[in-house]
């Protein structure tokens, strides 16, 4: 039987997104293969997580390309990015919370992603659309956090997947504080 590596990675991503502490046995079962077969492809959790990191980076970079971040207003580009990122939000939520990825070295792919989103945010700040009292780096991290939180909430059944784009974009663009209250 030929094992489709991409299919195994997607199954692992789904399993680990739902249960970050899943054992390699649980990951193998979720992928529909034996632990020995999983081990032949990924010698342990770290190589599996590294492969998932590469998959996640490819997917978020593809989402950025599809979102055409340099076109139109920064707010519209951000909305497109959020919409395009929905399919990889679960994987990103796992990767963002997987601390071993960020101890010591950081994959240059994350630096590229951060830089592209920061450029978008700075463009929005220069356009006068985005707040300038918040740094582009913070807004980027907050965006990742909201994507992760939404993915976890969908998995827990607390929110509908169909509302992903609207709720995240509105939270980021509108903020969480009230502008003014008429008394």
N, C-alpha and C. Protein backbone atom coordinates (compact mmCIF):
# COMPACT_ATOMS: atom_id res chain seq x y z
N UNK A 1 0.84 -1.18 0.00
CA UNK A 1 0.00 0.00 0.00
C UNK A 1 0.89 1.24 0.00
N UNK A 2 0.63 2.15 -0.93
CA UNK A 2 1.36 3.40 -1.01
C UNK A 2 0.70 4.41 -0.09
N UNK A 3 1.53 5.06 0.70
CA UNK A 3 1.02 6.05 1.64
C UNK A 3 1.23 7.44 1.04
N UNK A 4 0.15 8.20 0.98
CA UNK A 4 0.20 9.57 0.49
C UNK A 4 0.66 10.47 1.64
N UNK A 5 1.89 10.95 1.55
CA UNK A 5 2.48 11.76 2.62
C UNK A 5 1.63 12.99 2.94
N UNK A 6 1.13 13.66 1.90
CA UNK A 6 0.31 14.86 2.10
C UNK A 6 -0.97 14.50 2.86
N UNK A 7 -1.57 13.37 2.53
CA UNK A 7 -2.78 12.93 3.21
C UNK A 7 -2.48 12.62 4.68
N UNK A 8 -1.34 12.00 4.94
CA UNK A 8 -0.93 11.70 6.32
C UNK A 8 -0.71 13.01 7.08
N UNK A 9 -0.05 13.96 6.45
CA UNK A 9 0.18 15.26 7.10
C UNK A 9 -1.14 15.96 7.41
N UNK A 10 -2.07 15.93 6.49
CA UNK A 10 -3.37 16.60 6.72
C UNK A 10 -4.13 15.92 7.86
N UNK A 11 -4.09 14.60 7.89
CA UNK A 11 -4.75 13.88 8.99
C UNK A 11 -4.06 14.20 10.32
N UNK A 12 -2.73 14.26 10.30
CA UNK A 12 -1.98 14.60 11.52
C UNK A 12 -2.31 16.02 11.95
N UNK A 13 -2.41 16.93 11.00
CA UNK A 13 -2.74 18.32 11.32
C UNK A 13 -4.11 18.40 11.98
N UNK A 14 -5.07 17.69 11.42
CA UNK A 14 -6.42 17.69 12.00
C UNK A 14 -6.40 17.12 13.40
N UNK A 15 -5.74 15.98 13.59
CA UNK A 15 -5.67 15.33 14.90
C UNK A 15 -4.97 16.23 15.91
N UNK A 16 -3.82 16.76 15.54
CA UNK A 16 -3.05 17.58 16.48
C UNK A 16 -3.70 18.94 16.73
N UNK A 17 -4.46 19.44 15.77
CA UNK A 17 -5.21 20.67 16.00
C UNK A 17 -6.30 20.45 17.03
N UNK A 18 -6.92 19.29 16.97
CA UNK A 18 -7.98 18.97 17.94
C UNK A 18 -7.40 18.57 19.29
N UNK A 19 -6.27 17.85 19.24
CA UNK A 19 -5.65 17.36 20.48
C UNK A 19 -4.13 17.51 20.35
N UNK A 20 -3.60 18.66 20.76
CA UNK A 20 -2.17 18.92 20.60
C UNK A 20 -1.27 17.91 21.31
N UNK A 21 -1.77 17.22 22.30
CA UNK A 21 -0.97 16.25 23.04
C UNK A 21 -1.12 14.83 22.50
N UNK A 22 -1.74 14.68 21.35
CA UNK A 22 -1.96 13.35 20.77
C UNK A 22 -0.64 12.60 20.62
N UNK A 23 -0.70 11.31 20.90
CA UNK A 23 0.49 10.46 20.74
C UNK A 23 0.68 10.13 19.27
N UNK A 24 1.85 9.61 18.95
CA UNK A 24 2.10 9.17 17.58
C UNK A 24 1.14 8.05 17.20
N UNK A 25 0.77 7.19 18.16
CA UNK A 25 -0.22 6.14 17.89
C UNK A 25 -1.55 6.76 17.48
N UNK A 26 -1.98 7.79 18.19
CA UNK A 26 -3.25 8.46 17.87
C UNK A 26 -3.18 9.16 16.51
N UNK A 27 -2.03 9.75 16.21
CA UNK A 27 -1.86 10.39 14.90
C UNK A 27 -1.92 9.35 13.79
N UNK A 28 -1.25 8.23 13.99
CA UNK A 28 -1.26 7.15 12.99
C UNK A 28 -2.68 6.65 12.77
N UNK A 29 -3.40 6.42 13.85
CA UNK A 29 -4.79 5.94 13.75
C UNK A 29 -5.65 6.95 12.98
N UNK A 30 -5.48 8.24 13.29
CA UNK A 30 -6.25 9.28 12.60
C UNK A 30 -5.93 9.30 11.10
N UNK A 31 -4.69 8.95 10.76
CA UNK A 31 -4.26 8.94 9.36
C UNK A 31 -4.64 7.62 8.66
N UNK A 32 -5.13 6.67 9.42
CA UNK A 32 -5.52 5.38 8.84
C UNK A 32 -4.34 4.50 8.50
N UNK A 33 -3.25 4.67 9.24
CA UNK A 33 -2.06 3.85 9.02
C UNK A 33 -1.56 3.34 10.37
N UNK A 34 -0.64 2.42 10.33
CA UNK A 34 -0.05 1.91 11.56
C UNK A 34 1.06 2.83 12.05
N UNK A 35 1.39 2.66 13.31
CA UNK A 35 2.44 3.49 13.91
C UNK A 35 3.78 3.26 13.20
N UNK A 36 4.06 2.04 12.82
CA UNK A 36 5.32 1.73 12.13
C UNK A 36 5.40 2.47 10.79
N UNK A 37 4.28 2.53 10.08
CA UNK A 37 4.26 3.25 8.80
C UNK A 37 4.47 4.74 9.04
N UNK A 38 3.81 5.28 10.05
CA UNK A 38 4.01 6.69 10.39
C UNK A 38 5.48 6.94 10.74
N UNK A 39 6.05 6.03 11.50
CA UNK A 39 7.44 6.18 11.93
C UNK A 39 8.42 6.11 10.75
N UNK A 40 8.08 5.34 9.71
CA UNK A 40 8.94 5.28 8.52
C UNK A 40 8.97 6.63 7.81
N UNK A 41 7.87 7.36 7.87
CA UNK A 41 7.80 8.67 7.23
C UNK A 41 8.31 9.79 8.13
N UNK A 42 8.06 9.66 9.44
CA UNK A 42 8.44 10.68 10.41
C UNK A 42 8.98 9.95 11.63
N UNK A 43 10.27 10.06 11.87
CA UNK A 43 10.95 9.28 12.90
C UNK A 43 10.48 9.61 14.33
N UNK A 44 9.72 10.63 14.47
CA UNK A 44 9.22 11.01 15.79
C UNK A 44 8.36 12.26 15.68
N UNK A 45 7.97 12.77 16.83
CA UNK A 45 7.09 13.94 16.84
C UNK A 45 7.76 15.17 16.22
N UNK A 46 9.02 15.40 16.55
CA UNK A 46 9.68 16.61 16.03
C UNK A 46 9.73 16.61 14.50
N UNK A 47 10.17 15.52 13.84
CA UNK A 47 10.15 15.55 12.37
C UNK A 47 8.73 15.71 11.80
N UNK A 48 7.74 15.15 12.48
CA UNK A 48 6.35 15.32 12.05
C UNK A 48 5.94 16.78 12.16
N UNK A 49 6.25 17.39 13.29
CA UNK A 49 5.88 18.79 13.49
C UNK A 49 6.62 19.68 12.49
N UNK A 50 7.87 19.38 12.21
CA UNK A 50 8.62 20.17 11.21
C UNK A 50 7.97 20.05 9.83
N UNK A 51 7.53 18.85 9.48
CA UNK A 51 6.84 18.67 8.19
C UNK A 51 5.51 19.43 8.19
N UNK A 52 4.82 19.42 9.32
CA UNK A 52 3.58 20.18 9.43
C UNK A 52 3.85 21.67 9.33
N UNK A 53 4.97 22.11 9.90
CA UNK A 53 5.34 23.52 9.80
C UNK A 53 5.53 23.91 8.34
N UNK A 54 6.22 23.08 7.59
CA UNK A 54 6.43 23.37 6.16
C UNK A 54 5.10 23.41 5.41
N UNK A 55 4.21 22.46 5.71
CA UNK A 55 2.89 22.46 5.09
C UNK A 55 2.12 23.73 5.46
N UNK A 56 2.14 24.09 6.74
CA UNK A 56 1.44 25.29 7.19
C UNK A 56 1.97 26.54 6.52
N UNK A 57 3.29 26.62 6.40
CA UNK A 57 3.89 27.78 5.74
C UNK A 57 3.50 27.85 4.27
N UNK A 58 3.52 26.71 3.60
CA UNK A 58 3.09 26.70 2.19
C UNK A 58 1.65 27.18 2.07
N UNK A 59 0.81 26.72 2.99
CA UNK A 59 -0.61 27.08 2.90
C UNK A 59 -0.86 28.55 3.22
N UNK A 60 -0.20 29.09 4.24
CA UNK A 60 -0.43 30.50 4.56
C UNK A 60 0.18 31.39 3.48
N UNK A 61 1.32 30.98 2.92
CA UNK A 61 1.90 31.77 1.83
C UNK A 61 1.00 31.71 0.59
N UNK A 62 0.40 30.57 0.33
CA UNK A 62 -0.55 30.47 -0.79
C UNK A 62 -1.77 31.35 -0.52
N UNK A 63 -2.23 31.39 0.72
CA UNK A 63 -3.36 32.25 1.08
C UNK A 63 -3.00 33.72 0.85
N UNK A 64 -1.77 34.09 1.20
CA UNK A 64 -1.33 35.47 0.98
C UNK A 64 -1.30 35.80 -0.51
N UNK A 65 -0.82 34.86 -1.31
CA UNK A 65 -0.79 35.09 -2.76
C UNK A 65 -2.21 35.25 -3.30
N UNK A 66 -3.10 34.37 -2.89
CA UNK A 66 -4.49 34.43 -3.35
C UNK A 66 -5.18 35.71 -2.89
N UNK A 67 -4.78 36.21 -1.74
CA UNK A 67 -5.41 37.42 -1.17
C UNK A 67 -4.95 38.69 -1.88
N UNK A 68 -3.90 38.61 -2.68
CA UNK A 68 -3.39 39.78 -3.40
C UNK A 68 -3.22 40.96 -2.45
N UNK A 69 -2.31 40.80 -1.50
CA UNK A 69 -2.13 41.77 -0.42
C UNK A 69 -1.74 43.17 -0.89
N UNK A 70 -1.18 43.28 -2.07
CA UNK A 70 -0.75 44.59 -2.56
C UNK A 70 -1.81 45.31 -3.37
N UNK A 71 -2.96 44.67 -3.57
CA UNK A 71 -4.02 45.26 -4.39
C UNK A 71 -5.11 45.88 -3.54
N UNK A 72 -5.68 46.97 -4.01
CA UNK A 72 -6.81 47.60 -3.34
C UNK A 72 -6.42 48.19 -2.00
N UNK A 73 -7.42 48.50 -1.22
CA UNK A 73 -7.16 49.08 0.10
C UNK A 73 -6.58 48.03 1.04
N UNK A 74 -5.87 48.50 2.05
CA UNK A 74 -5.30 47.57 3.04
C UNK A 74 -6.41 46.82 3.77
N UNK A 75 -7.51 47.50 4.06
CA UNK A 75 -8.62 46.85 4.76
C UNK A 75 -9.21 45.73 3.91
N UNK A 76 -9.39 45.98 2.62
CA UNK A 76 -9.92 44.93 1.73
C UNK A 76 -8.93 43.79 1.60
N UNK A 77 -7.64 44.10 1.53
CA UNK A 77 -6.62 43.06 1.44
C UNK A 77 -6.62 42.21 2.70
N UNK A 78 -6.79 42.83 3.86
CA UNK A 78 -6.84 42.08 5.11
C UNK A 78 -8.06 41.16 5.13
N UNK A 79 -9.19 41.66 4.67
CA UNK A 79 -10.39 40.82 4.60
C UNK A 79 -10.15 39.61 3.68
N UNK A 80 -9.50 39.85 2.54
CA UNK A 80 -9.20 38.74 1.62
C UNK A 80 -8.25 37.74 2.27
N UNK A 81 -7.24 38.25 2.99
CA UNK A 81 -6.30 37.35 3.66
C UNK A 81 -7.01 36.47 4.67
N UNK A 82 -7.89 37.07 5.45
CA UNK A 82 -8.63 36.29 6.45
C UNK A 82 -9.46 35.21 5.75
N UNK A 83 -10.16 35.59 4.70
CA UNK A 83 -10.99 34.62 3.97
C UNK A 83 -10.14 33.48 3.40
N UNK A 84 -9.00 33.82 2.81
CA UNK A 84 -8.14 32.82 2.19
C UNK A 84 -7.46 31.92 3.23
N UNK A 85 -7.32 32.41 4.45
CA UNK A 85 -6.62 31.63 5.48
C UNK A 85 -7.50 30.60 6.18
N UNK A 86 -8.79 30.64 5.93
CA UNK A 86 -9.70 29.77 6.68
C UNK A 86 -9.33 28.30 6.56
N UNK A 87 -8.95 27.86 5.38
CA UNK A 87 -8.68 26.43 5.19
C UNK A 87 -7.46 25.95 5.97
N UNK A 88 -6.55 26.84 6.32
CA UNK A 88 -5.35 26.41 7.06
C UNK A 88 -5.35 26.90 8.51
N UNK A 89 -6.46 27.46 8.98
CA UNK A 89 -6.50 28.03 10.33
C UNK A 89 -6.27 26.98 11.41
N UNK A 90 -6.82 25.80 11.27
CA UNK A 90 -6.61 24.75 12.27
C UNK A 90 -5.16 24.35 12.39
N UNK A 91 -4.51 24.18 11.25
CA UNK A 91 -3.08 23.84 11.25
C UNK A 91 -2.26 24.98 11.85
N UNK A 92 -2.59 26.20 11.48
CA UNK A 92 -1.86 27.35 12.04
C UNK A 92 -2.05 27.44 13.54
N UNK A 93 -3.24 27.14 14.02
CA UNK A 93 -3.47 27.21 15.46
C UNK A 93 -2.60 26.20 16.20
N UNK A 94 -2.45 25.02 15.63
CA UNK A 94 -1.57 24.03 16.24
C UNK A 94 -0.12 24.51 16.21
N UNK A 95 0.33 24.98 15.06
CA UNK A 95 1.72 25.39 14.92
C UNK A 95 2.06 26.58 15.81
N UNK A 96 1.15 27.52 15.91
CA UNK A 96 1.39 28.69 16.75
C UNK A 96 1.53 28.29 18.21
N UNK A 97 0.77 27.29 18.62
CA UNK A 97 0.83 26.87 20.02
C UNK A 97 1.92 25.83 20.29
N UNK A 98 2.55 25.31 19.25
CA UNK A 98 3.57 24.28 19.42
C UNK A 98 4.91 24.97 19.75
N UNK A 99 5.18 25.12 21.01
CA UNK A 99 6.31 25.92 21.47
C UNK A 99 7.66 25.44 20.96
N UNK A 100 7.82 24.15 20.73
CA UNK A 100 9.14 23.66 20.34
C UNK A 100 9.60 24.26 19.02
N UNK A 101 8.69 24.74 18.20
CA UNK A 101 9.08 25.33 16.93
C UNK A 101 9.83 26.64 17.12
N UNK A 102 9.55 27.32 18.20
CA UNK A 102 10.06 28.67 18.34
C UNK A 102 11.19 28.79 19.35
N UNK A 103 11.65 27.69 19.90
CA UNK A 103 12.77 27.74 20.83
C UNK A 103 14.07 27.73 20.02
N UNK A 104 14.82 28.80 20.16
CA UNK A 104 16.09 28.88 19.44
C UNK A 104 15.91 29.41 18.03
N UNK A 105 15.73 28.53 17.09
CA UNK A 105 15.63 28.92 15.69
C UNK A 105 14.19 29.13 15.26
N UNK A 106 14.01 30.03 14.34
CA UNK A 106 12.70 30.26 13.75
C UNK A 106 12.84 30.05 12.25
N UNK A 107 11.94 29.28 11.69
CA UNK A 107 11.94 29.01 10.26
C UNK A 107 11.82 30.35 9.51
N UNK A 108 12.66 30.55 8.52
CA UNK A 108 12.63 31.80 7.77
C UNK A 108 11.28 32.02 7.09
N UNK A 109 10.54 30.96 6.86
CA UNK A 109 9.20 31.10 6.29
C UNK A 109 8.28 31.91 7.18
N UNK A 110 8.39 31.73 8.50
CA UNK A 110 7.58 32.53 9.43
C UNK A 110 7.98 33.99 9.33
N UNK A 111 9.29 34.24 9.21
CA UNK A 111 9.75 35.63 9.06
C UNK A 111 9.16 36.26 7.80
N UNK A 112 9.13 35.49 6.70
CA UNK A 112 8.54 36.01 5.45
C UNK A 112 7.07 36.33 5.64
N UNK A 113 6.33 35.42 6.28
CA UNK A 113 4.90 35.64 6.50
C UNK A 113 4.68 36.88 7.37
N UNK A 114 5.41 36.94 8.47
CA UNK A 114 5.28 38.09 9.36
C UNK A 114 5.57 39.39 8.62
N UNK A 115 6.62 39.39 7.83
CA UNK A 115 7.02 40.60 7.10
C UNK A 115 5.93 41.04 6.12
N UNK A 116 5.31 40.08 5.44
CA UNK A 116 4.26 40.43 4.46
C UNK A 116 3.05 41.01 5.16
N UNK A 117 2.65 40.41 6.26
CA UNK A 117 1.48 40.93 6.97
C UNK A 117 1.81 42.29 7.60
N UNK A 118 2.99 42.42 8.16
CA UNK A 118 3.40 43.72 8.73
C UNK A 118 3.40 44.81 7.66
N UNK A 119 3.87 44.48 6.46
CA UNK A 119 3.85 45.47 5.36
C UNK A 119 2.42 45.90 5.06
N UNK A 120 1.52 44.92 5.05
CA UNK A 120 0.11 45.24 4.80
C UNK A 120 -0.42 46.17 5.89
N UNK A 121 -0.12 45.85 7.14
CA UNK A 121 -0.60 46.68 8.25
C UNK A 121 0.00 48.08 8.17
N UNK A 122 1.30 48.17 7.92
CA UNK A 122 1.93 49.50 7.80
C UNK A 122 1.32 50.29 6.66
N UNK A 123 0.98 49.60 5.56
CA UNK A 123 0.31 50.29 4.45
C UNK A 123 -1.02 50.85 4.91
N UNK A 124 -1.77 50.05 5.69
CA UNK A 124 -3.04 50.53 6.22
C UNK A 124 -2.85 51.71 7.17
N UNK A 125 -1.79 51.68 7.93
CA UNK A 125 -1.49 52.80 8.82
C UNK A 125 -1.16 54.05 8.01
N UNK A 126 -0.37 53.88 6.97
CA UNK A 126 -0.01 55.01 6.11
C UNK A 126 -1.23 55.56 5.37
N UNK A 127 -2.17 54.68 5.03
CA UNK A 127 -3.41 55.11 4.37
C UNK A 127 -4.34 55.83 5.34
N UNK A 128 -4.02 55.76 6.63
CA UNK A 128 -4.87 56.38 7.63
C UNK A 128 -6.06 55.52 8.03
N UNK A 129 -6.04 54.25 7.65
CA UNK A 129 -7.14 53.33 7.93
C UNK A 129 -6.92 52.56 9.23
N UNK A 130 -5.69 52.14 9.48
CA UNK A 130 -5.37 51.34 10.67
C UNK A 130 -4.77 52.24 11.75
N UNK A 131 -5.02 51.88 12.98
CA UNK A 131 -4.50 52.63 14.12
C UNK A 131 -2.98 52.66 14.11
N UNK A 132 -2.43 53.81 14.48
CA UNK A 132 -0.98 53.93 14.52
C UNK A 132 -0.43 53.79 15.94
N UNK A 133 -1.32 53.71 16.94
CA UNK A 133 -0.85 53.52 18.31
C UNK A 133 -0.56 52.05 18.62
N UNK A 134 -0.87 51.17 17.69
CA UNK A 134 -0.56 49.75 17.82
C UNK A 134 0.48 49.42 16.76
N UNK A 135 1.49 48.67 17.13
CA UNK A 135 2.54 48.36 16.16
C UNK A 135 2.05 47.33 15.14
N UNK A 136 2.67 47.37 13.98
CA UNK A 136 2.33 46.39 12.94
C UNK A 136 2.63 44.98 13.42
N UNK A 137 3.73 44.83 14.17
CA UNK A 137 4.08 43.49 14.70
C UNK A 137 2.99 42.99 15.64
N UNK A 138 2.47 43.86 16.50
CA UNK A 138 1.43 43.45 17.44
C UNK A 138 0.15 43.07 16.69
N UNK A 139 -0.23 43.87 15.72
CA UNK A 139 -1.45 43.58 14.96
C UNK A 139 -1.30 42.25 14.24
N UNK A 140 -0.12 41.97 13.70
CA UNK A 140 0.14 40.69 13.04
C UNK A 140 -0.02 39.54 14.02
N UNK A 141 0.58 39.65 15.20
CA UNK A 141 0.46 38.60 16.22
C UNK A 141 -0.99 38.44 16.66
N UNK A 142 -1.70 39.56 16.81
CA UNK A 142 -3.11 39.49 17.20
C UNK A 142 -3.94 38.78 16.13
N UNK A 143 -3.61 39.04 14.87
CA UNK A 143 -4.32 38.37 13.77
C UNK A 143 -4.10 36.86 13.85
N UNK A 144 -2.85 36.43 14.05
CA UNK A 144 -2.58 35.00 14.22
C UNK A 144 -3.37 34.44 15.40
N UNK A 145 -3.38 35.18 16.48
CA UNK A 145 -4.10 34.73 17.68
C UNK A 145 -5.59 34.57 17.43
N UNK A 146 -6.18 35.52 16.71
CA UNK A 146 -7.61 35.42 16.40
C UNK A 146 -7.89 34.25 15.47
N UNK A 147 -7.02 34.02 14.49
CA UNK A 147 -7.19 32.87 13.60
C UNK A 147 -7.17 31.58 14.41
N UNK A 148 -6.23 31.50 15.33
CA UNK A 148 -6.11 30.30 16.17
C UNK A 148 -7.33 30.14 17.06
N UNK A 149 -7.72 31.21 17.73
CA UNK A 149 -8.87 31.15 18.63
C UNK A 149 -10.13 30.74 17.88
N UNK A 150 -10.30 31.26 16.68
CA UNK A 150 -11.48 30.90 15.91
C UNK A 150 -11.45 29.43 15.51
N UNK A 151 -10.28 28.96 15.08
CA UNK A 151 -10.17 27.54 14.71
C UNK A 151 -10.51 26.65 15.90
N UNK A 152 -10.00 26.99 17.08
CA UNK A 152 -10.31 26.19 18.27
C UNK A 152 -11.80 26.27 18.60
N UNK A 153 -12.39 27.44 18.45
CA UNK A 153 -13.81 27.60 18.75
C UNK A 153 -14.69 26.80 17.80
N UNK A 154 -14.28 26.74 16.53
CA UNK A 154 -15.02 25.92 15.56
C UNK A 154 -14.94 24.45 15.96
N UNK A 155 -13.72 24.00 16.30
CA UNK A 155 -13.53 22.60 16.70
C UNK A 155 -14.34 22.25 17.94
N UNK A 156 -14.50 23.22 18.83
CA UNK A 156 -15.26 23.00 20.07
C UNK A 156 -16.76 23.17 19.85
N UNK A 157 -17.16 23.59 18.68
CA UNK A 157 -18.58 23.77 18.39
C UNK A 157 -19.18 25.04 18.97
N UNK A 158 -18.34 26.00 19.33
CA UNK A 158 -18.85 27.24 19.93
C UNK A 158 -19.20 28.31 18.90
N UNK A 159 -18.63 28.21 17.72
CA UNK A 159 -18.93 29.16 16.65
C UNK A 159 -19.03 28.41 15.33
N UNK A 160 -19.68 29.03 14.38
CA UNK A 160 -19.86 28.40 13.07
C UNK A 160 -18.68 28.72 12.16
N UNK A 161 -18.21 27.72 11.45
CA UNK A 161 -17.09 27.91 10.53
C UNK A 161 -17.41 28.95 9.47
N UNK A 162 -18.66 29.02 9.07
CA UNK A 162 -19.04 29.95 8.00
C UNK A 162 -18.86 31.42 8.39
N UNK A 163 -18.76 31.70 9.67
CA UNK A 163 -18.61 33.08 10.14
C UNK A 163 -17.16 33.50 10.33
N UNK A 164 -16.21 32.62 10.02
CA UNK A 164 -14.79 32.86 10.24
C UNK A 164 -14.34 34.21 9.67
N UNK A 165 -14.52 34.40 8.39
CA UNK A 165 -14.02 35.62 7.74
C UNK A 165 -14.63 36.88 8.35
N UNK A 166 -15.93 36.87 8.49
CA UNK A 166 -16.60 38.06 9.01
C UNK A 166 -16.15 38.38 10.44
N UNK A 167 -16.18 37.40 11.31
CA UNK A 167 -15.90 37.66 12.71
C UNK A 167 -14.45 38.08 12.95
N UNK A 168 -13.51 37.45 12.28
CA UNK A 168 -12.11 37.82 12.48
C UNK A 168 -11.84 39.20 11.87
N UNK A 169 -12.27 39.41 10.65
CA UNK A 169 -12.02 40.72 10.02
C UNK A 169 -12.67 41.84 10.82
N UNK A 170 -13.87 41.62 11.30
CA UNK A 170 -14.53 42.67 12.08
C UNK A 170 -13.82 42.92 13.40
N UNK A 171 -13.32 41.85 14.01
CA UNK A 171 -12.61 42.02 15.28
C UNK A 171 -11.31 42.79 15.05
N UNK A 172 -10.58 42.41 14.02
CA UNK A 172 -9.32 43.09 13.75
C UNK A 172 -9.57 44.53 13.31
N UNK A 173 -10.43 44.71 12.33
CA UNK A 173 -10.63 46.04 11.77
C UNK A 173 -11.40 46.97 12.71
N UNK A 174 -12.33 46.43 13.42
CA UNK A 174 -13.14 47.27 14.29
C UNK A 174 -12.61 47.39 15.70
N UNK A 175 -11.77 46.45 16.08
CA UNK A 175 -11.28 46.47 17.46
C UNK A 175 -12.34 45.96 18.43
N UNK A 176 -11.99 45.93 19.68
CA UNK A 176 -12.92 45.41 20.68
C UNK A 176 -13.45 46.48 21.63
N UNK A 177 -12.99 47.70 21.49
CA UNK A 177 -13.47 48.76 22.37
C UNK A 177 -14.53 49.61 21.67
N UNK A 178 -15.39 50.13 22.45
CA UNK A 178 -16.40 51.01 21.90
C UNK A 178 -15.77 52.35 21.58
N UNK A 179 -16.16 52.94 20.51
CA UNK A 179 -15.61 54.22 20.09
C UNK A 179 -16.05 55.36 21.01
N UNK A 180 -17.32 55.54 21.14
CA UNK A 180 -17.84 56.58 22.04
C UNK A 180 -19.24 56.18 22.46
N UNK A 181 -19.56 56.62 23.60
CA UNK A 181 -20.88 56.33 24.16
C UNK A 181 -21.61 57.65 24.35
N UNK A 182 -22.78 57.77 23.79
CA UNK A 182 -23.59 58.98 23.96
C UNK A 182 -24.29 58.90 25.30
N UNK A 183 -24.14 59.94 26.12
CA UNK A 183 -24.81 59.94 27.44
C UNK A 183 -25.92 60.92 27.49
